[in-house]
Amino acid sequence: MKAIAVLLIVLGAVGLAYGGFTWTSREKVVDLGPLQVTQDKTRSLPLPPIAGGICLVAGVLLLVSAGKRR
């Protein structure tokens, strides 16, 4: 439970701070035997601020409730 709570808190904080996630992947464009051409593509997954806030609050509530059960 605590691991999920921490994950939600981190995702919520990153979502609020950066507005989403961005990553770069390398894709093959041309493959002609020994000749290969690749292209770096940047992709992003936008995260609305309200979703980041909900994740953050849910993570904190989950962490607090997991601590009270002991």
N, C-alpha and C. Protein backbone atom coordinates (compact mmCIF):
# COMPACT_ATOMS: atom_id res chain seq x y z
N MET A 1 0.82 -1.19 0.00
CA MET A 1 0.00 0.00 0.00
C MET A 1 0.86 1.26 0.00
N LYS A 2 1.93 1.22 0.82
CA LYS A 2 2.78 2.40 0.92
C LYS A 2 3.50 2.67 -0.39
N ALA A 3 3.88 1.61 -1.10
CA ALA A 3 4.58 1.78 -2.38
C ALA A 3 3.66 2.45 -3.40
N ILE A 4 2.40 2.05 -3.43
CA ILE A 4 1.44 2.66 -4.35
C ILE A 4 1.20 4.12 -3.98
N ALA A 5 1.14 4.39 -2.67
CA ALA A 5 0.94 5.77 -2.22
C ALA A 5 2.11 6.66 -2.63
N VAL A 6 3.32 6.16 -2.46
CA VAL A 6 4.50 6.94 -2.84
C VAL A 6 4.53 7.15 -4.35
N LEU A 7 4.16 6.12 -5.11
CA LEU A 7 4.11 6.24 -6.57
C LEU A 7 3.09 7.30 -7.00
N LEU A 8 1.93 7.31 -6.37
CA LEU A 8 0.93 8.33 -6.69
C LEU A 8 1.41 9.73 -6.34
N ILE A 9 2.10 9.86 -5.21
CA ILE A 9 2.62 11.17 -4.81
C ILE A 9 3.66 11.65 -5.82
N VAL A 10 4.55 10.76 -6.24
CA VAL A 10 5.59 11.15 -7.22
C VAL A 10 4.94 11.52 -8.55
N LEU A 11 4.00 10.70 -9.03
CA LEU A 11 3.33 11.01 -10.30
C LEU A 11 2.57 12.33 -10.23
N GLY A 12 1.91 12.58 -9.10
CA GLY A 12 1.18 13.83 -8.94
C GLY A 12 2.10 15.03 -8.92
N ALA A 13 3.23 14.91 -8.22
CA ALA A 13 4.18 16.02 -8.15
C ALA A 13 4.81 16.30 -9.51
N VAL A 14 5.18 15.23 -10.22
CA VAL A 14 5.76 15.41 -11.57
C VAL A 14 4.72 16.00 -12.51
N GLY A 15 3.49 15.53 -12.41
CA GLY A 15 2.42 16.06 -13.25
C GLY A 15 2.16 17.53 -13.01
N LEU A 16 2.21 17.94 -11.76
CA LEU A 16 2.00 19.36 -11.46
C LEU A 16 3.20 20.21 -11.86
N ALA A 17 4.40 19.67 -11.68
CA ALA A 17 5.61 20.45 -11.96
C ALA A 17 5.88 20.57 -13.47
N TYR A 18 5.73 19.48 -14.20
CA TYR A 18 6.11 19.47 -15.61
C TYR A 18 4.94 19.41 -16.57
N GLY A 19 3.77 19.09 -16.11
CA GLY A 19 2.61 19.03 -17.00
C GLY A 19 2.54 17.76 -17.82
N GLY A 20 3.34 16.76 -17.50
CA GLY A 20 3.31 15.50 -18.21
C GLY A 20 4.68 14.89 -18.33
N PHE A 21 4.77 13.88 -19.18
CA PHE A 21 6.01 13.15 -19.38
C PHE A 21 6.43 13.23 -20.84
N THR A 22 7.73 13.36 -21.09
CA THR A 22 8.26 13.41 -22.44
C THR A 22 9.40 12.42 -22.55
N TRP A 23 9.44 11.67 -23.65
CA TRP A 23 10.53 10.73 -23.87
C TRP A 23 10.90 10.70 -25.34
N THR A 24 12.09 10.23 -25.64
CA THR A 24 12.59 10.16 -27.00
C THR A 24 12.83 8.70 -27.36
N SER A 25 12.39 8.32 -28.54
CA SER A 25 12.63 6.96 -29.01
C SER A 25 13.26 7.02 -30.40
N ARG A 26 14.06 6.03 -30.69
CA ARG A 26 14.73 5.96 -31.99
C ARG A 26 14.00 4.93 -32.85
N GLU A 27 13.59 5.35 -34.03
CA GLU A 27 12.85 4.47 -34.94
C GLU A 27 13.59 4.33 -36.26
N LYS A 28 13.53 3.15 -36.82
CA LYS A 28 14.14 2.90 -38.12
C LYS A 28 13.24 3.47 -39.21
N VAL A 29 13.82 4.28 -40.09
CA VAL A 29 13.06 4.87 -41.18
C VAL A 29 13.32 4.07 -42.45
N VAL A 30 14.60 3.76 -42.72
CA VAL A 30 14.99 3.02 -43.92
C VAL A 30 15.91 1.89 -43.49
N ASP A 31 15.67 0.70 -44.04
CA ASP A 31 16.54 -0.45 -43.77
C ASP A 31 16.81 -1.15 -45.10
N LEU A 32 17.93 -0.78 -45.73
CA LEU A 32 18.33 -1.37 -47.01
C LEU A 32 19.63 -2.15 -46.83
N GLY A 33 19.52 -3.33 -46.27
CA GLY A 33 20.71 -4.16 -46.03
C GLY A 33 21.63 -3.49 -45.04
N PRO A 34 22.86 -3.17 -45.47
CA PRO A 34 23.81 -2.56 -44.54
C PRO A 34 23.52 -1.08 -44.27
N LEU A 35 22.66 -0.46 -45.08
CA LEU A 35 22.33 0.95 -44.90
C LEU A 35 21.06 1.07 -44.06
N GLN A 36 21.20 1.74 -42.93
CA GLN A 36 20.06 1.96 -42.05
C GLN A 36 19.98 3.44 -41.69
N VAL A 37 18.78 3.97 -41.76
CA VAL A 37 18.55 5.36 -41.39
C VAL A 37 17.57 5.36 -40.23
N THR A 38 17.94 6.04 -39.15
CA THR A 38 17.06 6.12 -37.99
C THR A 38 16.69 7.58 -37.73
N GLN A 39 15.62 7.74 -37.00
CA GLN A 39 15.14 9.07 -36.66
C GLN A 39 14.74 9.08 -35.19
N ASP A 40 15.15 10.11 -34.47
CA ASP A 40 14.74 10.28 -33.09
C ASP A 40 13.39 10.98 -33.06
N LYS A 41 12.43 10.37 -32.39
CA LYS A 41 11.09 10.95 -32.27
C LYS A 41 10.83 11.27 -30.81
N THR A 42 10.39 12.47 -30.58
CA THR A 42 10.03 12.89 -29.22
C THR A 42 8.53 12.74 -29.06
N ARG A 43 8.17 12.03 -28.02
CA ARG A 43 6.75 11.82 -27.74
C ARG A 43 6.45 12.36 -26.35
N SER A 44 5.21 12.72 -26.15
CA SER A 44 4.84 13.26 -24.84
C SER A 44 3.49 12.72 -24.41
N LEU A 45 3.31 12.64 -23.13
CA LEU A 45 2.05 12.25 -22.53
C LEU A 45 1.63 13.38 -21.60
N PRO A 46 0.74 14.25 -22.08
CA PRO A 46 0.33 15.39 -21.25
C PRO A 46 -0.52 14.92 -20.08
N LEU A 47 -0.34 15.58 -18.96
CA LEU A 47 -1.11 15.28 -17.76
C LEU A 47 -1.74 16.58 -17.27
N PRO A 48 -3.06 16.66 -17.29
CA PRO A 48 -3.71 17.89 -16.84
C PRO A 48 -3.40 18.17 -15.37
N PRO A 49 -3.32 19.43 -14.99
CA PRO A 49 -3.01 19.77 -13.60
C PRO A 49 -4.00 19.18 -12.60
N ILE A 50 -5.26 19.07 -12.97
CA ILE A 50 -6.25 18.51 -12.05
C ILE A 50 -5.96 17.04 -11.78
N ALA A 51 -5.49 16.31 -12.79
CA ALA A 51 -5.15 14.89 -12.60
C ALA A 51 -3.92 14.76 -11.69
N GLY A 52 -2.94 15.66 -11.87
CA GLY A 52 -1.77 15.65 -10.99
C GLY A 52 -2.15 15.94 -9.55
N GLY A 53 -3.05 16.88 -9.35
CA GLY A 53 -3.51 17.20 -8.01
C GLY A 53 -4.28 16.05 -7.37
N ILE A 54 -5.10 15.39 -8.16
CA ILE A 54 -5.86 14.25 -7.65
C ILE A 54 -4.93 13.11 -7.25
N CYS A 55 -3.92 12.84 -8.10
CA CYS A 55 -2.93 11.79 -7.77
C CYS A 55 -2.18 12.14 -6.49
N LEU A 56 -1.80 13.38 -6.36
CA LEU A 56 -1.06 13.81 -5.18
C LEU A 56 -1.90 13.66 -3.91
N VAL A 57 -3.13 14.13 -3.94
CA VAL A 57 -4.01 14.04 -2.78
C VAL A 57 -4.34 12.58 -2.46
N ALA A 58 -4.61 11.78 -3.49
CA ALA A 58 -4.92 10.37 -3.27
C ALA A 58 -3.73 9.64 -2.66
N GLY A 59 -2.53 9.95 -3.12
CA GLY A 59 -1.34 9.32 -2.56
C GLY A 59 -1.13 9.68 -1.11
N VAL A 60 -1.33 10.95 -0.76
CA VAL A 60 -1.18 11.39 0.63
C VAL A 60 -2.24 10.72 1.50
N LEU A 61 -3.48 10.68 1.05
CA LEU A 61 -4.54 10.05 1.83
C LEU A 61 -4.29 8.55 2.01
N LEU A 62 -3.81 7.90 0.97
CA LEU A 62 -3.50 6.48 1.05
C LEU A 62 -2.35 6.22 2.02
N LEU A 63 -1.34 7.08 1.98
CA LEU A 63 -0.20 6.94 2.88
C LEU A 63 -0.62 7.15 4.33
N VAL A 64 -1.48 8.15 4.57
CA VAL A 64 -1.95 8.42 5.94
C VAL A 64 -2.82 7.27 6.44
N SER A 65 -3.70 6.77 5.59
CA SER A 65 -4.58 5.67 6.03
C SER A 65 -3.79 4.38 6.24
N ALA A 66 -2.75 4.15 5.47
CA ALA A 66 -1.92 2.96 5.68
C ALA A 66 -1.14 3.06 6.98
N GLY A 67 -0.76 4.26 7.39
CA GLY A 67 -0.04 4.45 8.64
C GLY A 67 -0.95 4.30 9.87
N LYS A 68 -2.21 4.64 9.73
CA LYS A 68 -3.15 4.55 10.86
C LYS A 68 -3.59 3.12 11.14
N ARG A 69 -3.48 2.24 10.16
CA ARG A 69 -3.94 0.85 10.33
C ARG A 69 -3.04 0.05 11.25
N ARG A 70 -1.82 0.47 11.44
CA ARG A 70 -0.87 -0.29 12.27
C ARG A 70 -1.14 -0.07 13.68
